[in-house]
Amino acid sequence: MRNSLLIAFLVLAAFFAMAQQKPAAQTKSAPAAKPAADSGRLPTEAEVDAFMKATFGYDAQLTWKIVSIKPSVAEGLAEVTVEISGPQGQGGQKFFVSQDGKHAVVGEIIPFGAHPFEQTRRILEKKATGPARGPANASVLIVEFSDLQCPHCKEASPTIERLLKENPDIRFVSQNFPLPSHNWAMKAAQYADCVARASNDAYWKFVDGVFAAQNEITADNADQKLTDLADKAGVKGSEMATCAAQPETESRVQASVELGKAVDVNATPTLFINGRPVGVSGNNYDALKQIVDFAAKEK
């Protein structure tokens, strides 16, 4: 179908804000390796803006901002990321531009080969240093990138908890990935970072407490609510508040975000099971269990 690419792009844009708040799709891209050394000429911001205007200019409610234009991991393609805003909210959208500047490709570039997730697994084994549960030598490593303000992270939490309880040979690591569209997520991540540094056990109680109180927390009352929840988790809330306000705490959270971006996280919650990126929701336990069992056998 001649217009299928355009239609796909339009559908992605129209529903992007909704998709950004849903669990990451199980077909989501695995991580990028180093950019290709020569991906050809990159489109200019003016060219991208003109393309966006020609494609979406008919809808006055849609606006966009160019986030980045860079070489793709696939030689000959440029990777373009834009932030699209509309009545449903805002979120990032990625597409690829051919070297001749005449074609745009919507979708994901995924690794290929007999062990397509191995590079991501190694990256996360080395750099995912967030609060952890489970045996250090477990055959399965699960890393979650989560946002404490994200309602779908809250909905997915019981599924993850069941997975860990019923499958003890899992090492689970929690990484902060506050989304910029959430107005108190960064602050919550900073509190969570401080709670984890004070007590690993308190961290999990704090996360559960934040999810339980999610609807009551606002940008205006976040400090007080998060301080109280830290107290209830078993650490001194006032000390956590002081720690959360320190520049080095924000730097640690930002480092976790950058790690997520390095393995192509663009929605929360996103799980990596031995490097394989998967989405998690309140009703996909069986699918996750199959992947965990498969990963354990492969290991």
Protein backbone atom coordinates (compact mmCIF):
# COMPACT_ATOMS: atom_id res chain seq x y z
CA MET A 1 0.00 0.00 0.00
CA ARG A 2 1.58 3.24 -1.20
CA ASN A 3 0.56 5.33 1.80
CA SER A 4 1.11 2.69 4.50
CA LEU A 5 4.21 4.40 5.92
CA LEU A 6 2.47 7.75 6.21
CA ILE A 7 -0.57 6.11 7.73
CA ALA A 8 1.63 4.29 10.25
CA PHE A 9 3.33 7.54 11.17
CA LEU A 10 0.02 9.34 11.57
CA VAL A 11 -1.38 6.57 13.75
CA LEU A 12 1.74 6.64 15.93
CA ALA A 13 1.46 10.39 16.36
CA ALA A 14 -2.27 10.40 17.04
CA PHE A 15 -1.96 7.82 19.78
CA PHE A 16 1.57 8.49 20.97
CA ALA A 17 0.72 10.10 24.30
CA MET A 18 -1.45 7.13 25.17
CA ALA A 19 1.24 4.69 24.10
CA GLN A 20 3.89 6.55 26.09
CA GLN A 21 1.94 5.78 29.25
CA LYS A 22 1.43 2.11 28.42
CA PRO A 23 3.91 -0.68 29.11
CA ALA A 24 6.63 -0.81 26.51
CA ALA A 25 5.69 -3.08 23.62
CA GLN A 26 7.28 -6.52 23.54
CA THR A 27 8.56 -5.75 20.05
CA LYS A 28 10.41 -2.71 21.32
CA SER A 29 13.91 -2.18 20.06
CA ALA A 30 16.81 -3.73 21.84
CA PRO A 31 19.74 -1.46 22.52
CA ALA A 32 21.79 0.46 20.13
CA ALA A 33 25.44 -0.31 19.74
CA LYS A 34 27.90 2.41 18.78
CA PRO A 35 26.61 4.64 15.96
CA ALA A 36 27.72 3.67 12.50
CA ALA A 37 30.91 5.40 11.50
CA ASP A 38 29.43 6.73 8.26
CA SER A 39 25.67 7.08 8.01
CA GLY A 40 25.79 9.59 5.18
CA ARG A 41 24.43 13.07 5.18
CA LEU A 42 22.17 13.96 8.11
CA PRO A 43 18.98 15.92 7.44
CA THR A 44 18.99 19.47 8.76
CA GLU A 45 16.59 20.77 11.39
CA ALA A 46 14.93 22.86 8.71
CA GLU A 47 14.35 19.76 6.57
CA VAL A 48 12.90 17.80 9.48
CA ASP A 49 10.68 20.71 10.47
CA ALA A 50 9.44 21.03 6.89
CA PHE A 51 8.65 17.30 6.83
CA MET A 52 6.75 17.51 10.12
CA LYS A 53 4.82 20.56 8.88
CA ALA A 54 3.88 18.84 5.63
CA THR A 55 2.81 15.71 7.52
CA PHE A 56 1.04 17.14 10.57
CA GLY A 57 0.46 20.81 9.77
CA TYR A 58 -3.18 20.17 8.96
CA ASP A 59 -3.90 19.72 12.70
CA ALA A 60 -3.41 23.00 14.58
CA GLN A 61 -3.56 21.13 17.90
CA LEU A 62 -0.36 19.19 17.16
CA THR A 63 3.01 20.81 17.81
CA TRP A 64 6.49 19.33 17.74
CA LYS A 65 10.05 19.93 18.83
CA ILE A 66 13.12 18.37 17.26
CA VAL A 67 15.02 16.56 20.01
CA SER A 68 17.92 15.06 18.08
CA ILE A 69 19.25 14.22 14.63
CA LYS A 70 22.12 11.73 14.65
CA PRO A 71 23.62 8.78 12.80
CA SER A 72 21.72 5.54 13.31
CA VAL A 73 23.29 2.26 14.31
CA ALA A 74 22.26 1.05 10.86
CA GLU A 75 24.65 2.46 8.27
CA GLY A 76 22.99 4.75 5.76
CA LEU A 77 20.12 5.86 8.01
CA ALA A 78 19.82 8.96 10.15
CA GLU A 79 17.92 8.69 13.42
CA VAL A 80 15.53 11.57 14.14
CA THR A 81 13.70 12.04 17.44
CA VAL A 82 10.94 14.58 17.82
CA GLU A 83 8.65 15.41 20.73
CA ILE A 84 5.02 15.62 19.64
CA SER A 85 2.44 17.45 21.78
CA GLY A 86 -1.31 17.39 21.39
CA PRO A 87 -4.60 17.16 23.27
CA GLN A 88 -3.70 13.69 24.60
CA GLY A 89 -0.36 14.82 26.03
CA GLN A 90 3.18 14.69 24.77
CA GLY A 91 5.89 12.18 24.06
CA GLY A 92 8.85 11.31 21.90
CA GLN A 93 8.65 9.76 18.44
CA LYS A 94 11.59 8.28 16.54
CA PHE A 95 11.91 7.73 12.81
CA PHE A 96 14.73 7.16 10.34
CA VAL A 97 15.70 9.04 7.20
CA SER A 98 17.43 7.40 4.23
CA GLN A 99 20.80 8.63 3.03
CA ASP A 100 19.30 10.19 -0.09
CA GLY A 101 16.89 12.21 2.06
CA LYS A 102 13.87 10.88 0.16
CA HIS A 103 12.44 8.30 2.53
CA ALA A 104 11.40 8.11 6.18
CA VAL A 105 11.06 4.79 7.98
CA VAL A 106 8.85 4.39 11.04
CA GLY A 107 9.65 1.52 13.37
CA GLU A 108 12.54 0.14 15.35
CA ILE A 109 16.00 -1.02 14.41
CA ILE A 110 16.67 -4.22 16.31
CA PRO A 111 19.87 -6.25 16.62
CA PHE A 112 20.26 -9.34 14.47
CA GLY A 113 22.18 -12.56 15.00
CA ALA A 114 22.25 -15.76 17.00
CA HIS A 115 22.52 -13.80 20.27
CA PRO A 116 20.76 -10.49 19.59
CA PHE A 117 20.37 -9.49 23.26
CA GLU A 118 23.87 -10.35 24.45
CA GLN A 119 25.31 -6.86 24.13
CA THR A 120 22.51 -5.33 26.19
CA ARG A 121 22.83 -8.05 28.82
CA ARG A 122 26.52 -7.27 29.23
CA ILE A 123 25.90 -3.54 29.44
CA LEU A 124 23.26 -3.99 32.14
CA GLU A 125 25.28 -6.54 34.09
CA LYS A 126 28.04 -3.97 34.33
CA LYS A 127 26.15 -0.68 34.68
CA ALA A 128 22.76 -1.43 36.25
CA THR A 129 23.71 -0.75 39.86
CA GLY A 130 20.34 0.20 41.33
CA PRO A 131 18.69 -1.48 44.34
CA ALA A 132 18.65 -5.24 43.82
CA ARG A 133 16.90 -8.36 45.06
CA GLY A 134 17.66 -12.03 44.55
CA PRO A 135 20.86 -14.06 44.35
CA ALA A 136 23.83 -12.31 42.77
CA ASN A 137 24.66 -15.45 40.74
CA ALA A 138 21.11 -16.03 39.46
CA SER A 139 20.76 -17.40 35.94
CA VAL A 140 18.31 -14.63 35.03
CA LEU A 141 18.93 -10.91 35.41
CA ILE A 142 15.90 -8.65 35.18
CA VAL A 143 16.43 -4.91 35.08
CA GLU A 144 13.42 -2.62 35.32
CA PHE A 145 13.38 1.03 34.27
CA SER A 146 10.52 2.65 36.13
CA ASP A 147 8.91 6.00 36.91
CA LEU A 148 7.24 6.36 40.31
CA GLN A 149 4.60 8.73 38.90
CA CYS A 150 3.76 6.37 36.03
CA PRO A 151 0.36 4.69 36.59
CA HIS A 152 1.32 1.73 34.41
CA CYS A 153 4.40 1.12 36.57
CA LYS A 154 2.06 0.91 39.54
CA GLU A 155 -0.26 -1.48 37.66
CA ALA A 156 2.68 -3.67 36.65
CA SER A 157 4.15 -3.90 40.14
CA PRO A 158 2.05 -6.91 41.30
CA THR A 159 3.02 -8.84 38.16
CA ILE A 160 6.70 -8.23 38.83
CA GLU A 161 6.29 -9.14 42.49
CA ARG A 162 4.61 -12.42 41.57
CA LEU A 163 7.36 -13.18 39.06
CA LEU A 164 10.03 -12.72 41.72
CA LYS A 165 8.20 -14.75 44.38
CA GLU A 166 7.44 -17.70 42.12
CA ASN A 167 10.82 -17.73 40.36
CA PRO A 168 13.55 -17.44 43.00
CA ASP A 169 16.46 -17.79 40.56
CA ILE A 170 16.14 -14.17 39.41
CA ARG A 171 18.34 -11.19 40.17
CA PHE A 172 16.12 -8.10 39.95
CA VAL A 173 17.56 -4.58 39.66
CA SER A 174 15.49 -1.40 39.84
CA GLN A 175 16.59 1.64 37.82
CA ASN A 176 15.10 5.12 37.95
CA PHE A 177 13.73 6.45 34.68
CA PRO A 178 11.56 9.50 35.50
CA LEU A 179 9.77 10.79 32.41
CA PRO A 180 10.06 14.52 31.70
CA SER A 181 6.30 14.72 31.14
CA HIS A 182 5.67 13.84 34.83
CA ASN A 183 5.91 16.80 37.15
CA TRP A 184 7.06 15.09 40.36
CA ALA A 185 8.69 11.93 39.00
CA MET A 186 12.23 13.33 39.11
CA LYS A 187 11.83 14.37 42.73
CA ALA A 188 10.44 10.95 43.64
CA ALA A 189 13.39 9.29 41.91
CA GLN A 190 15.80 11.42 43.93
CA TYR A 191 14.09 10.45 47.19
CA ALA A 192 14.12 6.80 46.09
CA ASP A 193 17.83 7.01 45.34
CA CYS A 194 18.51 8.35 48.82
CA VAL A 195 16.29 5.78 50.53
CA ALA A 196 18.10 2.98 48.67
CA ARG A 197 21.48 4.29 49.77
CA ALA A 198 20.26 4.32 53.37
CA SER A 199 18.58 0.90 53.33
CA ASN A 200 17.95 -1.59 50.54
CA ASP A 201 15.00 -3.06 52.45
CA ALA A 202 13.48 0.38 53.00
CA TYR A 203 13.70 1.11 49.28
CA TRP A 204 11.16 -1.56 48.31
CA LYS A 205 8.78 -0.40 51.04
CA PHE A 206 9.19 3.18 49.87
CA VAL A 207 8.38 2.27 46.25
CA ASP A 208 5.26 0.37 47.35
CA GLY A 209 4.24 3.34 49.47
CA VAL A 210 4.66 5.81 46.62
CA PHE A 211 2.62 3.64 44.28
CA ALA A 212 -0.12 3.32 46.90
CA ALA A 213 -0.22 7.10 47.40
CA GLN A 214 0.34 7.97 43.73
CA ASN A 215 -3.04 9.64 43.27
CA GLU A 216 -2.53 11.82 46.35
CA ILE A 217 0.88 13.20 45.38
CA THR A 218 1.16 16.44 43.43
CA ALA A 219 4.03 18.67 42.41
CA ASP A 220 3.06 21.03 45.24
CA ASN A 221 2.92 18.46 48.06
CA ALA A 222 5.53 16.00 46.77
CA ASP A 223 8.25 16.91 49.27
CA GLN A 224 6.00 16.46 52.28
CA LYS A 225 4.39 13.27 50.97
CA LEU A 226 7.70 11.69 49.98
CA THR A 227 9.28 12.65 53.31
CA ASP A 228 6.39 11.01 55.18
CA LEU A 229 6.60 7.88 53.00
CA ALA A 230 10.33 7.62 53.67
CA ASP A 231 9.60 7.73 57.40
CA LYS A 232 7.03 4.96 57.01
CA ALA A 233 9.54 2.88 55.03
CA GLY A 234 11.88 2.88 58.02
CA VAL A 235 14.39 5.65 57.30
CA LYS A 236 14.52 9.23 58.53
CA GLY A 237 12.43 11.27 56.13
CA SER A 238 14.04 14.61 56.92
CA GLU A 239 17.46 13.19 56.06
CA MET A 240 16.11 11.78 52.81
CA ALA A 241 14.70 15.21 51.93
CA THR A 242 18.10 16.81 52.50
CA CYS A 243 19.81 14.10 50.45
CA ALA A 244 17.26 14.37 47.62
CA ALA A 245 18.01 18.06 47.20
CA GLN A 246 21.73 17.51 46.67
CA PRO A 247 23.15 17.96 43.14
CA GLU A 248 24.97 14.63 43.32
CA THR A 249 21.65 12.85 43.88
CA GLU A 250 20.19 14.36 40.75
CA SER A 251 23.37 13.34 38.93
CA ARG A 252 22.93 9.71 40.02
CA VAL A 253 19.33 9.68 38.84
CA GLN A 254 20.34 11.26 35.56
CA ALA A 255 23.01 8.59 35.13
CA SER A 256 20.29 5.95 35.45
CA VAL A 257 18.21 7.77 32.84
CA GLU A 258 21.20 7.91 30.50
CA LEU A 259 21.76 4.18 30.98
CA GLY A 260 18.14 3.61 29.99
CA LYS A 261 18.53 5.76 26.90
CA ALA A 262 21.70 3.87 25.99
CA VAL A 263 19.68 0.66 25.81
CA ASP A 264 16.84 2.44 24.01
CA VAL A 265 14.30 2.78 26.82
CA ASN A 266 11.60 5.21 25.76
CA ALA A 267 8.63 4.19 27.89
CA THR A 268 7.96 2.93 31.38
CA PRO A 269 7.85 0.32 32.68
CA THR A 270 10.43 -1.47 30.55
CA LEU A 271 12.00 -4.73 31.67
CA PHE A 272 15.12 -6.37 30.33
CA ILE A 273 15.25 -10.13 30.86
CA ASN A 274 18.87 -11.18 30.26
CA GLY A 275 19.07 -8.22 27.90
CA ARG A 276 15.79 -8.85 26.07
CA PRO A 277 13.50 -5.77 26.26
CA VAL A 278 9.90 -6.55 27.16
CA GLY A 279 6.86 -4.69 28.33
CA VAL A 280 5.11 -5.56 31.56
CA SER A 281 1.50 -5.00 32.50
CA GLY A 282 -1.00 -6.23 35.03
CA ASN A 283 -1.97 -9.22 32.91
CA ASN A 284 1.04 -10.62 31.06
CA TYR A 285 2.57 -12.80 33.77
CA ASP A 286 2.39 -15.98 31.67
CA ALA A 287 4.30 -14.40 28.79
CA LEU A 288 6.98 -13.07 31.15
CA LYS A 289 7.27 -16.46 32.82
CA GLN A 290 7.87 -18.10 29.44
CA ILE A 291 10.63 -15.61 28.65
CA VAL A 292 12.23 -16.10 32.09
CA ASP A 293 12.21 -19.89 31.67
CA PHE A 294 13.67 -19.59 28.18
CA ALA A 295 16.37 -17.19 29.37
CA ALA A 296 17.32 -19.52 32.21
CA LYS A 297 17.78 -22.42 29.77
CA GLU A 298 19.81 -20.30 27.37
CA LYS A 299 22.08 -19.13 30.20
